Amino acid sequence: MNILKTLFAATIAAGALAVAGPGLAADAPFPMNPFPGESTDYTFNLQTLMGHGSKVKPAVYCADSSVFRRGNQVIFRMYIVNAKTGKVMNGKDFSKVVIRIAGMPDLKTGFKPQGGNANAESPWLWSAAWLVPADYPLGTFKFDVVAQLKTNGKPGKYVIYNPVIPGTEWSITP
């Protein structure tokens, strides 16, 4: 009986490798590779979530999403990292960080602890909340992030991040 189980398991494993092997070898490279960092000075790890301030209740709060309804609250949160040094950029490194959403005023972010709990375990990140207006156009919406560096304590150059990779979009649905 044990020999049959072993043979069955080996057959399944060999079949899985035969199916997956050629696909793994033929995978196309990811269309955008920001590392080792020569193409950009800063990298952005951006996340959009369903917020608790939604007027239209989402299925799950705090869930990652790129599809929102009018009346949903979109939470933008991100880490900004110096690609050359690996340093996570904080509130002392930038004069301001804003999110520019098409057709809306700039959305100011703050550098604060995740969930508002300032304790030793709380990660600090750049975040802002946007309540999708009831009349915001349906379909895809575009946004980018604009961060202004501090140089010697004064406002310096701008770093702009456009998160859209071909095939990925954020959208508003009815």
Protein backbone atom coordinates (compact mmCIF):
# COMPACT_ATOMS: atom_id res chain seq x y z
CA MET A 1 0.00 0.00 0.00
CA ASN A 2 2.84 2.40 0.87
CA ILE A 3 4.49 1.68 -2.49
CA LEU A 4 1.27 2.66 -4.30
CA LYS A 5 1.01 5.91 -2.32
CA THR A 6 4.66 6.73 -3.10
CA LEU A 7 4.22 5.97 -6.80
CA PHE A 8 1.02 8.05 -6.94
CA ALA A 9 2.71 11.02 -5.22
CA ALA A 10 5.73 10.76 -7.54
CA THR A 11 3.45 10.66 -10.60
CA ILE A 12 1.58 13.76 -9.45
CA ALA A 13 4.83 15.62 -8.74
CA ALA A 14 6.34 14.67 -12.12
CA GLY A 15 3.16 15.78 -13.91
CA ALA A 16 3.17 19.11 -12.10
CA LEU A 17 6.79 19.74 -13.04
CA ALA A 18 6.14 18.76 -16.65
CA VAL A 19 3.28 21.27 -16.85
CA ALA A 20 4.95 24.11 -14.89
CA GLY A 21 8.53 23.66 -16.14
CA PRO A 22 8.12 25.00 -19.69
CA GLY A 23 5.91 27.86 -18.46
CA LEU A 24 8.47 28.93 -15.88
CA ALA A 25 11.27 28.90 -18.43
CA ALA A 26 9.25 30.95 -20.93
CA ASP A 27 8.04 33.66 -18.54
CA ALA A 28 8.62 37.14 -19.91
CA PRO A 29 10.49 39.56 -17.62
CA PHE A 30 8.45 42.05 -15.62
CA PRO A 31 8.00 45.16 -17.79
CA MET A 32 9.55 47.53 -15.27
CA ASN A 33 12.56 46.85 -13.05
CA PRO A 34 13.55 49.84 -10.90
CA PHE A 35 16.60 48.11 -9.43
CA PRO A 36 19.56 48.43 -8.99
CA GLY A 37 18.39 52.03 -8.79
CA GLU A 38 20.23 53.82 -11.56
CA SER A 39 16.95 54.68 -13.30
CA THR A 40 15.44 56.33 -10.23
CA ASP A 41 16.62 57.88 -7.00
CA TYR A 42 13.55 56.88 -4.97
CA THR A 43 11.18 53.94 -4.93
CA PHE A 44 7.59 54.06 -3.72
CA ASN A 45 5.77 51.14 -2.10
CA LEU A 46 2.17 52.27 -2.52
CA GLN A 47 -0.99 50.61 -1.23
CA THR A 48 -4.64 51.65 -1.67
CA LEU A 49 -7.20 50.39 0.85
CA MET A 50 -10.91 50.64 1.64
CA GLY A 51 -11.25 53.18 4.44
CA HIS A 52 -13.50 53.21 7.52
CA GLY A 53 -14.74 56.67 6.54
CA SER A 54 -16.73 55.26 3.62
CA LYS A 55 -20.29 56.50 3.21
CA VAL A 56 -20.97 53.44 1.04
CA LYS A 57 -20.04 50.35 3.05
CA PRO A 58 -17.42 48.18 1.35
CA ALA A 59 -17.45 44.39 1.67
CA VAL A 60 -14.32 44.53 3.86
CA TYR A 61 -12.65 47.52 5.49
CA CYS A 62 -8.87 47.97 5.23
CA ALA A 63 -8.74 45.55 2.28
CA ASP A 64 -6.32 46.25 -0.56
CA SER A 65 -8.26 47.44 -3.56
CA SER A 66 -7.94 49.30 -6.83
CA VAL A 67 -11.70 49.41 -7.48
CA PHE A 68 -13.83 51.85 -5.49
CA ARG A 69 -17.41 53.11 -5.55
CA ARG A 70 -18.57 56.68 -5.24
CA GLY A 71 -18.81 57.32 -1.51
CA ASN A 72 -15.98 54.92 -0.63
CA GLN A 73 -13.00 56.23 1.27
CA VAL A 74 -9.69 55.46 -0.41
CA ILE A 75 -6.69 55.21 1.90
CA PHE A 76 -3.37 55.86 0.19
CA ARG A 77 -0.37 54.73 2.19
CA MET A 78 3.23 54.29 1.18
CA TYR A 79 6.85 53.99 2.05
CA ILE A 80 9.29 56.11 0.10
CA VAL A 81 12.79 54.67 -0.02
CA ASN A 82 16.08 56.14 -1.22
CA ALA A 83 16.96 53.54 -3.89
CA LYS A 84 20.69 54.08 -3.56
CA THR A 85 21.01 53.91 0.24
CA GLY A 86 17.91 51.89 1.23
CA LYS A 87 16.87 54.58 3.76
CA VAL A 88 13.13 54.88 4.38
CA MET A 89 12.35 58.57 3.94
CA ASN A 90 10.48 60.17 6.84
CA GLY A 91 8.93 63.51 7.77
CA LYS A 92 12.35 65.10 8.21
CA ASP A 93 13.34 64.25 4.64
CA PHE A 94 10.42 65.87 2.76
CA SER A 95 8.85 69.33 2.91
CA LYS A 96 5.59 67.85 1.64
CA VAL A 97 4.14 64.78 -0.04
CA VAL A 98 0.86 65.15 -1.94
CA ILE A 99 -1.31 62.89 -4.06
CA ARG A 100 -2.61 64.49 -7.24
CA ILE A 101 -5.87 62.89 -8.35
CA ALA A 102 -7.24 63.86 -11.74
CA GLY A 103 -9.91 66.56 -11.34
CA MET A 104 -9.36 67.01 -7.57
CA PRO A 105 -7.35 69.39 -5.38
CA ASP A 106 -4.02 68.04 -4.12
CA LEU A 107 -4.42 65.59 -1.25
CA LYS A 108 -1.88 66.23 1.52
CA THR A 109 -0.31 63.22 3.18
CA GLY A 110 1.15 62.94 6.64
CA PHE A 111 3.97 60.80 7.99
CA LYS A 112 2.26 58.94 10.82
CA PRO A 113 1.95 55.54 12.45
CA GLN A 114 -0.22 52.95 10.74
CA GLY A 115 -3.69 52.96 12.27
CA GLY A 116 -2.86 55.98 14.43
CA ASN A 117 -1.19 53.85 17.15
CA ALA A 118 2.17 55.36 17.99
CA ASN A 119 3.87 52.47 19.74
CA ALA A 120 7.13 50.62 19.19
CA GLU A 121 5.58 48.09 16.78
CA SER A 122 3.70 50.58 14.61
CA PRO A 123 5.24 51.16 11.20
CA TRP A 124 5.29 54.81 10.19
CA LEU A 125 4.31 55.67 6.63
CA TRP A 126 2.98 58.42 4.41
CA SER A 127 -0.81 58.29 4.25
CA ALA A 128 -3.92 60.22 3.27
CA ALA A 129 -7.64 59.51 2.91
CA TRP A 130 -9.85 60.52 -0.02
CA LEU A 131 -13.64 60.24 0.01
CA VAL A 132 -14.72 59.58 -3.60
CA PRO A 133 -17.26 62.33 -4.42
CA ALA A 134 -20.79 61.30 -5.40
CA ASP A 135 -20.32 62.96 -8.80
CA TYR A 136 -16.79 61.73 -9.55
CA PRO A 137 -16.63 60.30 -13.10
CA LEU A 138 -16.98 56.53 -13.43
CA GLY A 139 -14.16 54.52 -14.94
CA THR A 140 -10.44 54.70 -14.42
CA PHE A 141 -8.92 57.46 -12.35
CA LYS A 142 -5.35 58.56 -12.55
CA PHE A 143 -3.17 59.90 -9.79
CA ASP A 144 0.46 60.46 -8.98
CA VAL A 145 2.51 61.24 -5.90
CA VAL A 146 4.64 64.36 -5.65
CA ALA A 147 7.22 64.59 -2.88
CA GLN A 148 9.34 67.67 -2.25
CA LEU A 149 12.72 66.95 -0.68
CA LYS A 150 14.24 69.10 2.05
CA THR A 151 17.70 70.41 1.31
CA ASN A 152 19.46 71.95 4.31
CA GLY A 153 16.07 72.25 6.00
CA LYS A 154 14.54 74.13 3.05
CA PRO A 155 12.23 72.94 0.25
CA GLY A 156 14.26 71.29 -2.52
CA LYS A 157 13.69 69.29 -5.69
CA TYR A 158 10.52 67.36 -6.48
CA VAL A 159 10.25 63.60 -6.87
CA ILE A 160 7.21 62.48 -8.90
CA TYR A 161 5.86 58.93 -8.89
CA ASN A 162 3.27 57.73 -11.38
CA PRO A 163 2.12 54.30 -10.14
CA VAL A 164 0.48 53.12 -13.37
CA ILE A 165 2.15 50.14 -14.98
CA PRO A 166 0.57 49.04 -18.26
CA GLY A 167 -2.34 46.75 -17.46
CA THR A 168 -2.92 48.14 -13.96
CA GLU A 169 -5.43 50.83 -13.24
CA TRP A 170 -7.55 52.21 -10.42
CA SER A 171 -11.23 52.67 -11.13
CA ILE A 172 -14.51 54.05 -9.84
CA THR A 173 -17.62 51.89 -10.34
CA PRO A 174 -21.32 52.67 -9.76
